[in-house]
Amino acid sequence: MITPRQTRAARALLGWSRQELADRALVSLSTVRRMEEAERDIRMSSIESVRKALEAAGVEFSNRGDDGIRLKP
């Protein structure tokens, strides 16, 4: 599972707007906003779609307690 902080950082690293992430993940803009603002009641399928869109663009997530992200080399 990716965190709100990772979502915001990954989007910033790629230079994407919230709308661009929503378009690429095939989710609504409000879903991306709610994810980034740590609101509850977000479908796991939507979170997975966002994660997959970011990974397809070259983002790599670390969940070792540091909420890290990086671009794949």
PDB file of N, CA and C in Angstrom:
ATOM      1  N   MET A   1       0.854  -1.182   0.000  1.00  0.00           N
ATOM      2  CA  MET A   1       0.000   0.000   0.000  1.00  0.00           C
ATOM      3  C   MET A   1       0.896   1.240   0.000  1.00  0.00           C
ATOM      4  N   ILE A   2       0.551   2.214  -0.810  1.00  0.00           N
ATOM      5  CA  ILE A   2       1.309   3.467  -0.834  1.00  0.00           C
ATOM      6  C   ILE A   2       0.637   4.480   0.090  1.00  0.00           C
ATOM      7  N   THR A   3       1.451   5.367   0.629  1.00  0.00           N
ATOM      8  CA  THR A   3       0.954   6.356   1.573  1.00  0.00           C
ATOM      9  C   THR A   3       0.588   7.646   0.846  1.00  0.00           C
ATOM     10  N   PRO A   4      -0.185   8.508   1.498  1.00  0.00           N
ATOM     11  CA  PRO A   4      -0.483   9.818   0.898  1.00  0.00           C
ATOM     12  C   PRO A   4       0.798  10.604   0.586  1.00  0.00           C
ATOM     13  N   ARG A   5       1.751  10.524   1.496  1.00  0.00           N
ATOM     14  CA  ARG A   5       3.030  11.231   1.293  1.00  0.00           C
ATOM     15  C   ARG A   5       3.761  10.707   0.054  1.00  0.00           C
ATOM     16  N   GLN A   6       3.778   9.383  -0.127  1.00  0.00           N
ATOM     17  CA  GLN A   6       4.413   8.800  -1.302  1.00  0.00           C
ATOM     18  C   GLN A   6       3.693   9.208  -2.584  1.00  0.00           C
ATOM     19  N   THR A   7       2.380   9.247  -2.531  1.00  0.00           N
ATOM     20  CA  THR A   7       1.608   9.634  -3.715  1.00  0.00           C
ATOM     21  C   THR A   7       1.949  11.055  -4.131  1.00  0.00           C
ATOM     22  N   ARG A   8       1.940  11.970  -3.175  1.00  0.00           N
ATOM     23  CA  ARG A   8       2.275  13.377  -3.481  1.00  0.00           C
ATOM     24  C   ARG A   8       3.699  13.504  -3.999  1.00  0.00           C
ATOM     25  N   ALA A   9       4.636  12.818  -3.347  1.00  0.00           N
ATOM     26  CA  ALA A   9       6.045  12.911  -3.743  1.00  0.00           C
ATOM     27  C   ALA A   9       6.280  12.316  -5.128  1.00  0.00           C
ATOM     28  N   ALA A  10       5.651  11.181  -5.398  1.00  0.00           N
ATOM     29  CA  ALA A  10       5.824  10.545  -6.707  1.00  0.00           C
ATOM     30  C   ALA A  10       5.272  11.432  -7.812  1.00  0.00           C
ATOM     31  N   ARG A  11       4.119  12.002  -7.568  1.00  0.00           N
ATOM     32  CA  ARG A  11       3.515  12.887  -8.567  1.00  0.00           C
ATOM     33  C   ARG A  11       4.406  14.099  -8.810  1.00  0.00           C
ATOM     34  N   ALA A  12       4.955  14.657  -7.740  1.00  0.00           N
ATOM     35  CA  ALA A  12       5.849  15.812  -7.873  1.00  0.00           C
ATOM     36  C   ALA A  12       7.131  15.432  -8.611  1.00  0.00           C
ATOM     37  N   LEU A  13       7.678  14.264  -8.301  1.00  0.00           N
ATOM     38  CA  LEU A  13       8.896  13.794  -8.959  1.00  0.00           C
ATOM     39  C   LEU A  13       8.700  13.671 -10.466  1.00  0.00           C
ATOM     40  N   LEU A  14       7.512  13.255 -10.869  1.00  0.00           N
ATOM     41  CA  LEU A  14       7.201  13.105 -12.294  1.00  0.00           C
ATOM     42  C   LEU A  14       6.755  14.407 -12.944  1.00  0.00           C
ATOM     43  N   GLY A  15       6.451  15.407 -12.113  1.00  0.00           N
ATOM     44  CA  GLY A  15       5.982  16.679 -12.655  1.00  0.00           C
ATOM     45  C   GLY A  15       4.546  16.618 -13.133  1.00  0.00           C
ATOM     46  N   TRP A  16       3.767  15.725 -12.544  1.00  0.00           N
ATOM     47  CA  TRP A  16       2.374  15.541 -12.947  1.00  0.00           C
ATOM     48  C   TRP A  16       1.448  16.356 -12.065  1.00  0.00           C
ATOM     49  N   SER A  17       0.392  16.845 -12.661  1.00  0.00           N
ATOM     50  CA  SER A  17      -0.688  17.461 -11.898  1.00  0.00           C
ATOM     51  C   SER A  17      -1.557  16.340 -11.326  1.00  0.00           C
ATOM     52  N   ARG A  18      -2.432  16.702 -10.422  1.00  0.00           N
ATOM     53  CA  ARG A  18      -3.386  15.718  -9.907  1.00  0.00           C
ATOM     54  C   ARG A  18      -4.252  15.175 -11.049  1.00  0.00           C
ATOM     55  N   GLN A  19      -4.641  16.061 -11.956  1.00  0.00           N
ATOM     56  CA  GLN A  19      -5.482  15.637 -13.074  1.00  0.00           C
ATOM     57  C   GLN A  19      -4.752  14.644 -13.963  1.00  0.00           C
ATOM     58  N   GLU A  20      -3.472  14.878 -14.211  1.00  0.00           N
ATOM     59  CA  GLU A  20      -2.711  13.958 -15.052  1.00  0.00           C
ATOM     60  C   GLU A  20      -2.614  12.580 -14.401  1.00  0.00           C
ATOM     61  N   LEU A  21      -2.371  12.550 -13.103  1.00  0.00           N
ATOM     62  CA  LEU A  21      -2.331  11.266 -12.408  1.00  0.00           C
ATOM     63  C   LEU A  21      -3.685  10.580 -12.481  1.00  0.00           C
ATOM     64  N   ALA A  22      -4.742  11.315 -12.256  1.00  0.00           N
ATOM     65  CA  ALA A  22      -6.086  10.735 -12.338  1.00  0.00           C
ATOM     66  C   ALA A  22      -6.342  10.154 -13.729  1.00  0.00           C
ATOM     67  N   ASP A  23      -5.971  10.901 -14.757  1.00  0.00           N
ATOM     68  CA  ASP A  23      -6.171  10.434 -16.134  1.00  0.00           C
ATOM     69  C   ASP A  23      -5.387   9.152 -16.408  1.00  0.00           C
ATOM     70  N   ARG A  24      -4.136   9.119 -15.975  1.00  0.00           N
ATOM     71  CA  ARG A  24      -3.291   7.951 -16.234  1.00  0.00           C
ATOM     72  C   ARG A  24      -3.715   6.733 -15.422  1.00  0.00           C
ATOM     73  N   ALA A  25      -4.252   6.967 -14.229  1.00  0.00           N
ATOM     74  CA  ALA A  25      -4.680   5.866 -13.369  1.00  0.00           C
ATOM     75  C   ALA A  25      -6.133   5.458 -13.630  1.00  0.00           C
ATOM     76  N   LEU A  26      -6.813   6.222 -14.461  1.00  0.00           N
ATOM     77  CA  LEU A  26      -8.225   5.971 -14.765  1.00  0.00           C
ATOM     78  C   LEU A  26      -9.095   6.013 -13.510  1.00  0.00           C
ATOM     79  N   VAL A  27      -8.828   7.028 -12.689  1.00  0.00           N
ATOM     80  CA  VAL A  27      -9.639   7.294 -11.505  1.00  0.00           C
ATOM     81  C   VAL A  27     -10.068   8.758 -11.555  1.00  0.00           C
ATOM     82  N   SER A  28     -10.963   9.138 -10.683  1.00  0.00           N
ATOM     83  CA  SER A  28     -11.425  10.523 -10.684  1.00  0.00           C
ATOM     84  C   SER A  28     -10.413  11.448 -10.002  1.00  0.00           C
ATOM     85  N   LEU A  29     -10.497  12.712 -10.356  1.00  0.00           N
ATOM     86  CA  LEU A  29      -9.652  13.719  -9.720  1.00  0.00           C
ATOM     87  C   LEU A  29      -9.917  13.759  -8.220  1.00  0.00           C
ATOM     88  N   SER A  30     -11.158  13.619  -7.819  1.00  0.00           N
ATOM     89  CA  SER A  30     -11.474  13.642  -6.388  1.00  0.00           C
ATOM     90  C   SER A  30     -10.848  12.452  -5.665  1.00  0.00           C
ATOM     91  N   THR A  31     -10.690  11.323  -6.332  1.00  0.00           N
ATOM     92  CA  THR A  31     -10.029  10.166  -5.719  1.00  0.00           C
ATOM     93  C   THR A  31      -8.570  10.483  -5.430  1.00  0.00           C
ATOM     94  N   VAL A  32      -7.883  11.091  -6.390  1.00  0.00           N
ATOM     95  CA  VAL A  32      -6.480  11.465  -6.178  1.00  0.00           C
ATOM     96  C   VAL A  32      -6.381  12.478  -5.037  1.00  0.00           C
ATOM     97  N   ARG A  33      -7.252  13.453  -5.028  1.00  0.00           N
ATOM     98  CA  ARG A  33      -7.233  14.458  -3.964  1.00  0.00           C
ATOM     99  C   ARG A  33      -7.433  13.802  -2.603  1.00  0.00           C
ATOM    100  N   ARG A  34      -8.410  12.914  -2.506  1.00  0.00           N
ATOM    101  CA  ARG A  34      -8.680  12.235  -1.232  1.00  0.00           C
ATOM    102  C   ARG A  34      -7.519  11.354  -0.810  1.00  0.00           C
ATOM    103  N   MET A  35      -6.863  10.695  -1.768  1.00  0.00           N
ATOM    104  CA  MET A  35      -5.689   9.885  -1.442  1.00  0.00           C
ATOM    105  C   MET A  35      -4.583  10.745  -0.866  1.00  0.00           C
ATOM    106  N   GLU A  36      -4.312  11.860  -1.513  1.00  0.00           N
ATOM    107  CA  GLU A  36      -3.219  12.729  -1.084  1.00  0.00           C
ATOM    108  C   GLU A  36      -3.515  13.443   0.231  1.00  0.00           C
ATOM    109  N   GLU A  37      -4.773  13.600   0.552  1.00  0.00           N
ATOM    110  CA  GLU A  37      -5.148  14.272   1.798  1.00  0.00           C
ATOM    111  C   GLU A  37      -5.489  13.271   2.898  1.00  0.00           C
ATOM    112  N   ALA A  38      -5.179  12.008   2.657  1.00  0.00           N
ATOM    113  CA  ALA A  38      -5.315  10.931   3.641  1.00  0.00           C
ATOM    114  C   ALA A  38      -6.739  10.738   4.143  1.00  0.00           C
ATOM    115  N   GLU A  39      -7.698  10.949   3.265  1.00  0.00           N
ATOM    116  CA  GLU A  39      -9.082  10.686   3.653  1.00  0.00           C
ATOM    117  C   GLU A  39      -9.343   9.184   3.611  1.00  0.00           C
ATOM    118  N   ARG A  40     -10.342   8.764   4.310  1.00  0.00           N
ATOM    119  CA  ARG A  40     -10.678   7.334   4.381  1.00  0.00           C
ATOM    120  C   ARG A  40     -11.672   6.962   3.294  1.00  0.00           C
ATOM    121  N   ASP A  41     -12.010   5.711   3.278  1.00  0.00           N
ATOM    122  CA  ASP A  41     -13.030   5.182   2.364  1.00  0.00           C
ATOM    123  C   ASP A  41     -12.642   5.304   0.893  1.00  0.00           C
ATOM    124  N   ILE A  42     -11.395   5.006   0.605  1.00  0.00           N
ATOM    125  CA  ILE A  42     -10.937   4.970  -0.788  1.00  0.00           C
ATOM    126  C   ILE A  42     -10.815   3.496  -1.166  1.00  0.00           C
ATOM    127  N   ARG A  43     -11.377   3.145  -2.278  1.00  0.00           N
ATOM    128  CA  ARG A  43     -11.346   1.753  -2.719  1.00  0.00           C
ATOM    129  C   ARG A  43      -9.906   1.289  -2.948  1.00  0.00           C
ATOM    130  N   MET A  44      -9.646   0.051  -2.526  1.00  0.00           N
ATOM    131  CA  MET A  44      -8.320  -0.536  -2.756  1.00  0.00           C
ATOM    132  C   MET A  44      -8.015  -0.598  -4.242  1.00  0.00           C
ATOM    133  N   SER A  45      -9.018  -0.836  -5.057  1.00  0.00           N
ATOM    134  CA  SER A  45      -8.787  -0.902  -6.502  1.00  0.00           C
ATOM    135  C   SER A  45      -8.312   0.442  -7.046  1.00  0.00           C
ATOM    136  N   SER A  46      -8.800   1.536  -6.484  1.00  0.00           N
ATOM    137  CA  SER A  46      -8.358   2.865  -6.911  1.00  0.00           C
ATOM    138  C   SER A  46      -6.921   3.130  -6.474  1.00  0.00           C
ATOM    139  N   ILE A  47      -6.598   2.726  -5.254  1.00  0.00           N
ATOM    140  CA  ILE A  47      -5.225   2.892  -4.751  1.00  0.00           C
ATOM    141  C   ILE A  47      -4.263   2.090  -5.614  1.00  0.00           C
ATOM    142  N   GLU A  48      -4.641   0.873  -5.959  1.00  0.00           N
ATOM    143  CA  GLU A  48      -3.801   0.028  -6.810  1.00  0.00           C
ATOM    144  C   GLU A  48      -3.647   0.621  -8.208  1.00  0.00           C
ATOM    145  N   SER A  49      -4.705   1.206  -8.750  1.00  0.00           N
ATOM    146  CA  SER A  49      -4.625   1.840 -10.070  1.00  0.00           C
ATOM    147  C   SER A  49      -3.645   3.004 -10.054  1.00  0.00           C
ATOM    148  N   VAL A  50      -3.679   3.792  -9.000  1.00  0.00           N
ATOM    149  CA  VAL A  50      -2.750   4.913  -8.874  1.00  0.00           C
ATOM    150  C   VAL A  50      -1.322   4.396  -8.737  1.00  0.00           C
ATOM    151  N   ARG A  51      -1.132   3.404  -7.888  1.00  0.00           N
ATOM    152  CA  ARG A  51       0.210   2.830  -7.711  1.00  0.00           C
ATOM    153  C   ARG A  51       0.755   2.293  -9.036  1.00  0.00           C
ATOM    154  N   LYS A  52      -0.062   1.566  -9.767  1.00  0.00           N
ATOM    155  CA  LYS A  52       0.378   0.993 -11.042  1.00  0.00           C
ATOM    156  C   LYS A  52       0.716   2.071 -12.062  1.00  0.00           C
ATOM    157  N   ALA A  53      -0.064   3.146 -12.094  1.00  0.00           N
ATOM    158  CA  ALA A  53       0.213   4.240 -13.036  1.00  0.00           C
ATOM    159  C   ALA A  53       1.550   4.895 -12.703  1.00  0.00           C
ATOM    160  N   LEU A  54       1.812   5.099 -11.427  1.00  0.00           N
ATOM    161  CA  LEU A  54       3.084   5.712 -11.017  1.00  0.00           C
ATOM    162  C   LEU A  54       4.260   4.776 -11.295  1.00  0.00           C
ATOM    163  N   GLU A  55       4.089   3.500 -11.017  1.00  0.00           N
ATOM    164  CA  GLU A  55       5.153   2.537 -11.305  1.00  0.00           C
ATOM    165  C   GLU A  55       5.415   2.411 -12.799  1.00  0.00           C
ATOM    166  N   ALA A  56       4.376   2.477 -13.609  1.00  0.00           N
ATOM    167  CA  ALA A  56       4.544   2.402 -15.066  1.00  0.00           C
ATOM    168  C   ALA A  56       5.344   3.589 -15.588  1.00  0.00           C
ATOM    169  N   ALA A  57       5.286   4.701 -14.854  1.00  0.00           N
ATOM    170  CA  ALA A  57       6.035   5.893 -15.254  1.00  0.00           C
ATOM    171  C   ALA A  57       7.464   5.875 -14.705  1.00  0.00           C
ATOM    172  N   GLY A  58       7.808   4.826 -13.946  1.00  0.00           N
ATOM    173  CA  GLY A  58       9.178   4.679 -13.473  1.00  0.00           C
ATOM    174  C   GLY A  58       9.409   4.939 -12.001  1.00  0.00           C
ATOM    175  N   VAL A  59       8.350   5.091 -11.238  1.00  0.00           N
ATOM    176  CA  VAL A  59       8.499   5.321  -9.795  1.00  0.00           C
ATOM    177  C   VAL A  59       8.636   3.975  -9.088  1.00  0.00           C
ATOM    178  N   GLU A  60       9.545   3.946  -8.131  1.00  0.00           N
ATOM    179  CA  GLU A  60       9.744   2.767  -7.299  1.00  0.00           C
ATOM    180  C   GLU A  60       9.458   3.154  -5.855  1.00  0.00           C
ATOM    181  N   PHE A  61       8.642   2.362  -5.164  1.00  0.00           N
ATOM    182  CA  PHE A  61       8.248   2.659  -3.790  1.00  0.00           C
ATOM    183  C   PHE A  61       9.019   1.806  -2.807  1.00  0.00           C
ATOM    184  N   SER A  62       9.313   2.388  -1.652  1.00  0.00           N
ATOM    185  CA  SER A  62       9.934   1.667  -0.547  1.00  0.00           C
ATOM    186  C   SER A  62       9.010   1.776   0.654  1.00  0.00           C
ATOM    187  N   ASN A  63       8.647   0.666   1.223  1.00  0.00           N
ATOM    188  CA  ASN A  63       7.791   0.666   2.409  1.00  0.00           C
ATOM    189  C   ASN A  63       8.538   0.064   3.598  1.00  0.00           C
ATOM    190  N   ARG A  64       9.771   0.447   3.740  1.00  0.00           N
ATOM    191  CA  ARG A  64      10.585  -0.068   4.833  1.00  0.00           C
ATOM    192  C   ARG A  64      10.542   0.865   6.038  1.00  0.00           C
ATOM    193  N   GLY A  65       9.420   1.542   6.202  1.00  0.00           N
ATOM    194  CA  GLY A  65       9.293   2.463   7.317  1.00  0.00           C
ATOM    195  C   GLY A  65       9.739   3.873   7.009  1.00  0.00           C
ATOM    196  N   ASP A  66      10.211   4.108   5.781  1.00  0.00           N
ATOM    197  CA  ASP A  66      10.713   5.441   5.462  1.00  0.00           C
ATOM    198  C   ASP A  66       9.869   6.186   4.437  1.00  0.00           C
ATOM    199  N   ASP A  67       8.815   5.569   3.940  1.00  0.00           N
ATOM    200  CA  ASP A  67       7.948   6.195   2.935  1.00  0.00           C
ATOM    201  C   ASP A  67       8.733   6.711   1.736  1.00  0.00           C
ATOM    202  N   GLY A  68       9.781   6.019   1.351  1.00  0.00           N
ATOM    203  CA  GLY A  68      10.635   6.490   0.279  1.00  0.00           C
ATOM    204  C   GLY A  68      10.100   6.198  -1.116  1.00  0.00           C
ATOM    205  N   ILE A  69      10.555   7.005  -2.049  1.00  0.00           N
ATOM    206  CA  ILE A  69      10.292   6.782  -3.462  1.00  0.00           C
ATOM    207  C   ILE A  69      11.535   7.156  -4.240  1.00  0.00           C
ATOM    208  N   ARG A  70      11.629   6.673  -5.453  1.00  0.00           N
ATOM    209  CA  ARG A  70      12.702   7.081  -6.362  1.00  0.00           C
ATOM    210  C   ARG A  70      12.301   6.707  -7.771  1.00  0.00           C
ATOM    211  N   LEU A  71      12.978   7.284  -8.721  1.00  0.00           N
ATOM    212  CA  LEU A  71      12.799   6.861 -10.111  1.00  0.00           C
ATOM    213  C   LEU A  71      13.703   5.682 -10.373  1.00  0.00           C
ATOM    214  N   LYS A  72      13.193   4.707 -11.092  1.00  0.00           N
ATOM    215  CA  LYS A  72      14.007   3.550 -11.428  1.00  0.00           C
ATOM    216  C   LYS A  72      15.187   4.011 -12.277  1.00  0.00           C
ATOM    217  N   PRO A  73      16.345   3.418 -12.030  1.00  0.00           N
ATOM    218  CA  PRO A  73      17.536   3.815 -12.829  1.00  0.00           C
ATOM    219  C   PRO A  73      17.408   3.415 -14.289  1.00  0.00           C
TER     220      PRO A  73
END
